[in-house]
N, C-alpha and C. Protein backbone atom coordinates (compact mmCIF):
# COMPACT_ATOMS: atom_id res chain seq x y z
N HIS A 1 10.51 0.22 19.81
CA HIS A 1 10.49 -0.69 20.95
C HIS A 1 9.10 -1.30 21.02
N ASP A 2 9.01 -2.60 21.03
CA ASP A 2 7.73 -3.30 21.05
C ASP A 2 7.62 -4.09 22.34
N ASN A 3 6.60 -3.80 23.11
CA ASN A 3 6.32 -4.60 24.31
C ASN A 3 4.82 -4.56 24.56
N ILE A 4 4.38 -5.18 25.64
CA ILE A 4 2.94 -5.29 25.91
C ILE A 4 2.26 -3.93 26.04
N SER A 5 2.98 -2.92 26.55
CA SER A 5 2.34 -1.61 26.71
C SER A 5 2.52 -0.66 25.54
N HIS A 6 3.44 -0.98 24.64
CA HIS A 6 3.71 -0.10 23.51
C HIS A 6 3.86 -0.91 22.23
N PRO A 7 2.76 -1.47 21.70
CA PRO A 7 2.88 -2.28 20.48
C PRO A 7 3.26 -1.43 19.28
N LEU A 8 4.02 -2.01 18.36
CA LEU A 8 4.39 -1.31 17.13
C LEU A 8 3.29 -1.41 16.09
N ASP A 9 2.46 -2.42 16.18
CA ASP A 9 1.40 -2.64 15.21
C ASP A 9 0.33 -1.55 15.33
N ALA A 10 0.06 -0.86 14.22
CA ALA A 10 -0.92 0.25 14.25
C ALA A 10 -2.30 -0.22 14.66
N GLY A 11 -2.70 -1.41 14.23
CA GLY A 11 -4.01 -1.94 14.60
C GLY A 11 -4.13 -2.15 16.09
N GLU A 12 -3.09 -2.65 16.70
CA GLU A 12 -3.10 -2.85 18.15
C GLU A 12 -3.14 -1.52 18.88
N ARG A 13 -2.39 -0.54 18.41
CA ARG A 13 -2.40 0.79 19.06
C ARG A 13 -3.80 1.39 18.97
N HIS A 14 -4.46 1.24 17.84
CA HIS A 14 -5.80 1.78 17.65
C HIS A 14 -6.78 1.12 18.62
N LEU A 15 -6.68 -0.19 18.78
CA LEU A 15 -7.56 -0.89 19.72
C LEU A 15 -7.33 -0.40 21.14
N ASP A 16 -6.07 -0.21 21.51
CA ASP A 16 -5.76 0.30 22.85
C ASP A 16 -6.40 1.66 23.07
N PHE A 17 -6.32 2.54 22.09
CA PHE A 17 -6.88 3.88 22.19
C PHE A 17 -8.40 3.80 22.40
N LEU A 18 -9.07 2.99 21.59
CA LEU A 18 -10.53 2.88 21.71
C LEU A 18 -10.92 2.30 23.07
N HIS A 19 -10.18 1.33 23.54
CA HIS A 19 -10.48 0.72 24.83
C HIS A 19 -10.31 1.73 25.97
N ILE A 20 -9.24 2.49 25.92
CA ILE A 20 -8.98 3.48 26.98
C ILE A 20 -10.12 4.49 27.07
N PHE A 21 -10.65 4.91 25.93
CA PHE A 21 -11.71 5.92 25.93
C PHE A 21 -13.11 5.32 25.91
N GLY A 22 -13.22 4.01 26.13
CA GLY A 22 -14.52 3.37 26.30
C GLY A 22 -15.37 3.28 25.06
N LYS A 23 -14.78 3.35 23.89
CA LYS A 23 -15.56 3.30 22.66
C LYS A 23 -15.90 1.87 22.25
N GLN A 24 -15.09 0.92 22.64
CA GLN A 24 -15.37 -0.48 22.35
C GLN A 24 -14.48 -1.33 23.24
N PRO A 25 -14.85 -2.58 23.44
CA PRO A 25 -14.00 -3.45 24.26
C PRO A 25 -12.68 -3.74 23.56
N ALA A 26 -11.67 -4.07 24.32
CA ALA A 26 -10.35 -4.39 23.76
C ALA A 26 -10.37 -5.80 23.20
N THR A 27 -10.79 -5.93 21.96
CA THR A 27 -10.80 -7.22 21.27
C THR A 27 -10.08 -7.04 19.95
N SER A 28 -9.72 -8.12 19.34
CA SER A 28 -9.04 -8.05 18.05
C SER A 28 -10.03 -7.65 16.96
N PRO A 29 -9.62 -6.78 16.06
CA PRO A 29 -10.51 -6.38 14.97
C PRO A 29 -10.58 -7.48 13.91
N ASP A 30 -11.55 -7.36 13.04
CA ASP A 30 -11.69 -8.29 11.93
C ASP A 30 -10.85 -7.75 10.76
N LEU A 31 -9.53 -7.88 10.90
CA LEU A 31 -8.63 -7.39 9.86
C LEU A 31 -8.41 -8.49 8.83
N ARG A 32 -8.48 -8.11 7.57
CA ARG A 32 -8.26 -9.08 6.50
C ARG A 32 -7.14 -8.57 5.61
N ALA A 33 -6.25 -9.45 5.29
CA ALA A 33 -5.12 -9.08 4.45
C ALA A 33 -5.18 -9.85 3.14
N GLU A 34 -4.67 -9.24 2.11
CA GLU A 34 -4.48 -9.89 0.83
C GLU A 34 -3.11 -9.49 0.33
N ALA A 35 -2.46 -10.40 -0.34
CA ALA A 35 -1.13 -10.11 -0.87
C ALA A 35 -1.21 -9.07 -1.97
N ILE A 36 -0.15 -8.29 -2.10
CA ILE A 36 -0.01 -7.42 -3.26
C ILE A 36 1.04 -8.06 -4.15
N GLU A 37 0.95 -7.78 -5.44
CA GLU A 37 1.91 -8.35 -6.39
C GLU A 37 2.62 -7.20 -7.08
N ILE A 38 3.94 -7.24 -7.07
CA ILE A 38 4.74 -6.20 -7.70
C ILE A 38 5.54 -6.85 -8.83
N GLY A 39 5.29 -6.40 -10.05
CA GLY A 39 5.94 -6.97 -11.22
C GLY A 39 7.42 -6.63 -11.30
N ASP A 40 8.13 -7.40 -12.12
CA ASP A 40 9.55 -7.17 -12.34
C ASP A 40 9.80 -5.75 -12.84
N ASP A 41 10.90 -5.17 -12.39
CA ASP A 41 11.37 -3.86 -12.84
C ASP A 41 10.41 -2.71 -12.53
N ALA A 42 9.47 -2.91 -11.61
CA ALA A 42 8.58 -1.82 -11.19
C ALA A 42 9.34 -0.91 -10.23
N TRP A 43 9.08 0.37 -10.29
CA TRP A 43 9.69 1.35 -9.39
C TRP A 43 8.57 1.94 -8.55
N ILE A 44 8.78 1.96 -7.24
CA ILE A 44 7.79 2.50 -6.32
C ILE A 44 8.43 3.64 -5.55
N GLY A 45 7.86 4.84 -5.68
CA GLY A 45 8.42 6.03 -5.06
C GLY A 45 8.27 6.05 -3.54
N PHE A 46 8.85 7.06 -2.95
CA PHE A 46 8.85 7.27 -1.50
C PHE A 46 7.43 7.46 -0.98
N ASN A 47 7.13 6.83 0.15
CA ASN A 47 5.89 7.04 0.90
C ASN A 47 4.63 6.68 0.10
N VAL A 48 4.72 5.66 -0.74
CA VAL A 48 3.57 5.19 -1.52
C VAL A 48 2.75 4.23 -0.66
N SER A 49 1.42 4.34 -0.72
CA SER A 49 0.52 3.40 -0.04
C SER A 49 -0.14 2.53 -1.09
N ILE A 50 -0.02 1.20 -0.92
CA ILE A 50 -0.63 0.25 -1.84
C ILE A 50 -1.61 -0.59 -1.05
N LEU A 51 -2.88 -0.57 -1.45
CA LEU A 51 -3.90 -1.30 -0.71
C LEU A 51 -3.87 -2.79 -1.03
N LYS A 52 -4.50 -3.56 -0.17
CA LYS A 52 -4.47 -5.02 -0.27
C LYS A 52 -5.03 -5.50 -1.60
N GLY A 53 -4.43 -6.58 -2.10
CA GLY A 53 -4.91 -7.23 -3.30
C GLY A 53 -4.54 -6.56 -4.62
N VAL A 54 -3.78 -5.48 -4.58
CA VAL A 54 -3.45 -4.73 -5.79
C VAL A 54 -2.26 -5.37 -6.51
N LYS A 55 -2.30 -5.33 -7.85
CA LYS A 55 -1.19 -5.82 -8.66
C LYS A 55 -0.54 -4.63 -9.35
N ILE A 56 0.77 -4.50 -9.16
CA ILE A 56 1.56 -3.48 -9.84
C ILE A 56 2.23 -4.18 -11.02
N GLY A 57 1.98 -3.71 -12.23
CA GLY A 57 2.47 -4.38 -13.43
C GLY A 57 3.97 -4.28 -13.63
N LYS A 58 4.47 -5.09 -14.56
CA LYS A 58 5.90 -5.08 -14.91
C LYS A 58 6.29 -3.69 -15.39
N GLY A 59 7.43 -3.20 -14.92
CA GLY A 59 7.96 -1.94 -15.39
C GLY A 59 7.15 -0.71 -15.02
N ALA A 60 6.13 -0.87 -14.19
CA ALA A 60 5.32 0.29 -13.78
C ALA A 60 6.15 1.23 -12.91
N ILE A 61 5.82 2.50 -12.95
CA ILE A 61 6.49 3.50 -12.14
C ILE A 61 5.41 4.22 -11.33
N ILE A 62 5.55 4.20 -10.00
CA ILE A 62 4.58 4.83 -9.10
C ILE A 62 5.26 6.05 -8.48
N GLY A 63 4.69 7.24 -8.68
CA GLY A 63 5.27 8.47 -8.15
C GLY A 63 5.16 8.54 -6.63
N ALA A 64 6.05 9.32 -6.03
CA ALA A 64 6.10 9.48 -4.58
C ALA A 64 4.75 9.92 -4.02
N CYS A 65 4.41 9.38 -2.86
CA CYS A 65 3.21 9.73 -2.08
C CYS A 65 1.90 9.32 -2.75
N ALA A 66 1.95 8.49 -3.77
CA ALA A 66 0.72 8.03 -4.42
C ALA A 66 -0.03 7.06 -3.51
N VAL A 67 -1.34 6.99 -3.68
CA VAL A 67 -2.18 6.02 -2.98
C VAL A 67 -2.77 5.13 -4.07
N ILE A 68 -2.39 3.85 -4.05
CA ILE A 68 -2.79 2.92 -5.11
C ILE A 68 -3.89 2.01 -4.59
N THR A 69 -5.09 2.14 -5.17
CA THR A 69 -6.25 1.37 -4.72
C THR A 69 -6.70 0.32 -5.74
N ARG A 70 -6.13 0.37 -6.94
CA ARG A 70 -6.50 -0.60 -7.97
C ARG A 70 -5.26 -1.00 -8.76
N ASP A 71 -5.40 -2.05 -9.57
CA ASP A 71 -4.27 -2.57 -10.33
C ASP A 71 -3.67 -1.50 -11.24
N VAL A 72 -2.34 -1.58 -11.40
CA VAL A 72 -1.61 -0.68 -12.29
C VAL A 72 -1.10 -1.51 -13.46
N PRO A 73 -1.40 -1.10 -14.71
CA PRO A 73 -0.99 -1.89 -15.88
C PRO A 73 0.53 -1.94 -16.04
N ASP A 74 1.00 -2.91 -16.82
CA ASP A 74 2.41 -2.98 -17.17
C ASP A 74 2.85 -1.68 -17.83
N TYR A 75 4.04 -1.21 -17.47
CA TYR A 75 4.70 -0.05 -18.07
C TYR A 75 3.90 1.25 -17.99
N ALA A 76 3.06 1.37 -16.97
CA ALA A 76 2.31 2.61 -16.75
C ALA A 76 3.08 3.49 -15.76
N VAL A 77 2.94 4.79 -15.91
CA VAL A 77 3.49 5.75 -14.95
C VAL A 77 2.29 6.38 -14.25
N VAL A 78 2.23 6.22 -12.93
CA VAL A 78 1.05 6.62 -12.15
C VAL A 78 1.49 7.56 -11.04
N VAL A 79 0.70 8.63 -10.83
CA VAL A 79 1.00 9.59 -9.77
C VAL A 79 -0.28 9.98 -9.04
N GLY A 80 -0.14 10.50 -7.85
CA GLY A 80 -1.24 11.13 -7.13
C GLY A 80 -2.12 10.18 -6.34
N LYS A 81 -3.06 10.81 -5.62
CA LYS A 81 -3.98 10.06 -4.77
C LYS A 81 -5.13 9.47 -5.57
N ALA A 82 -5.32 9.92 -6.80
CA ALA A 82 -6.39 9.39 -7.64
C ALA A 82 -5.82 8.42 -8.68
N GLU A 83 -4.58 8.00 -8.49
CA GLU A 83 -3.93 7.06 -9.40
C GLU A 83 -4.01 7.52 -10.84
N GLN A 84 -3.68 8.74 -11.08
CA GLN A 84 -3.74 9.28 -12.43
C GLN A 84 -2.61 8.68 -13.26
N GLU A 85 -3.00 7.95 -14.31
CA GLU A 85 -2.00 7.39 -15.22
C GLU A 85 -1.61 8.50 -16.18
N ILE A 86 -0.33 8.87 -16.17
CA ILE A 86 0.08 9.99 -17.01
C ILE A 86 0.69 9.56 -18.33
N ILE A 87 1.15 8.32 -18.39
CA ILE A 87 1.73 7.82 -19.64
C ILE A 87 1.85 6.30 -19.53
N ARG A 88 1.86 5.65 -20.66
CA ARG A 88 2.22 4.23 -20.72
C ARG A 88 3.30 4.12 -21.78
N TYR A 89 4.40 3.53 -21.41
CA TYR A 89 5.51 3.43 -22.34
C TYR A 89 5.69 2.00 -22.82
N ASN A 90 6.44 1.85 -23.91
CA ASN A 90 6.70 0.52 -24.47
C ASN A 90 7.81 -0.16 -23.69
N LYS A 91 7.71 -1.47 -23.63
CA LYS A 91 8.75 -2.26 -22.97
C LYS A 91 10.08 -1.98 -23.66
N PRO A 92 11.12 -1.66 -22.87
CA PRO A 92 12.43 -1.43 -23.49
C PRO A 92 12.93 -2.68 -24.21
N SER A 93 13.58 -2.47 -25.35
CA SER A 93 14.10 -3.62 -26.09
C SER A 93 15.39 -4.12 -25.46
N GLN A 94 15.63 -5.40 -25.60
CA GLN A 94 16.86 -6.00 -25.10
C GLN A 94 17.95 -5.73 -26.12
N GLY A 95 19.08 -5.25 -25.63
CA GLY A 95 20.07 -5.08 -26.66
C GLY A 95 21.19 -4.27 -26.32
C-alpha cells in the first residue's frame, strides 16, 4: 500500500526515518541511477542484487543471492557476494 504516510520507495522511507530522528532535514537525496543491461539468454537467480550501470553478458548465469558490482562476461557462471566466476562455457551451437 503506497500513500503519503507509507511510501513503498526505500529511499523515501529512509528519508522519513532520518527526519523523524533529527539526523537530517526531510529533503530528497542525491540519488543517481544508471541502466543495467542484461544480455540475451542470461539467467539470473533468486534474490540477486545488480548495481547500477552493470552489464550482464549473453548467456551468463548468476547464482542465487549474488551481489553483482561489475560487468559479467558472456557465457560466464558467477556466484557469491564477491562475484566469483566459476566457469565460462562456450556458446551452444545452433542445431
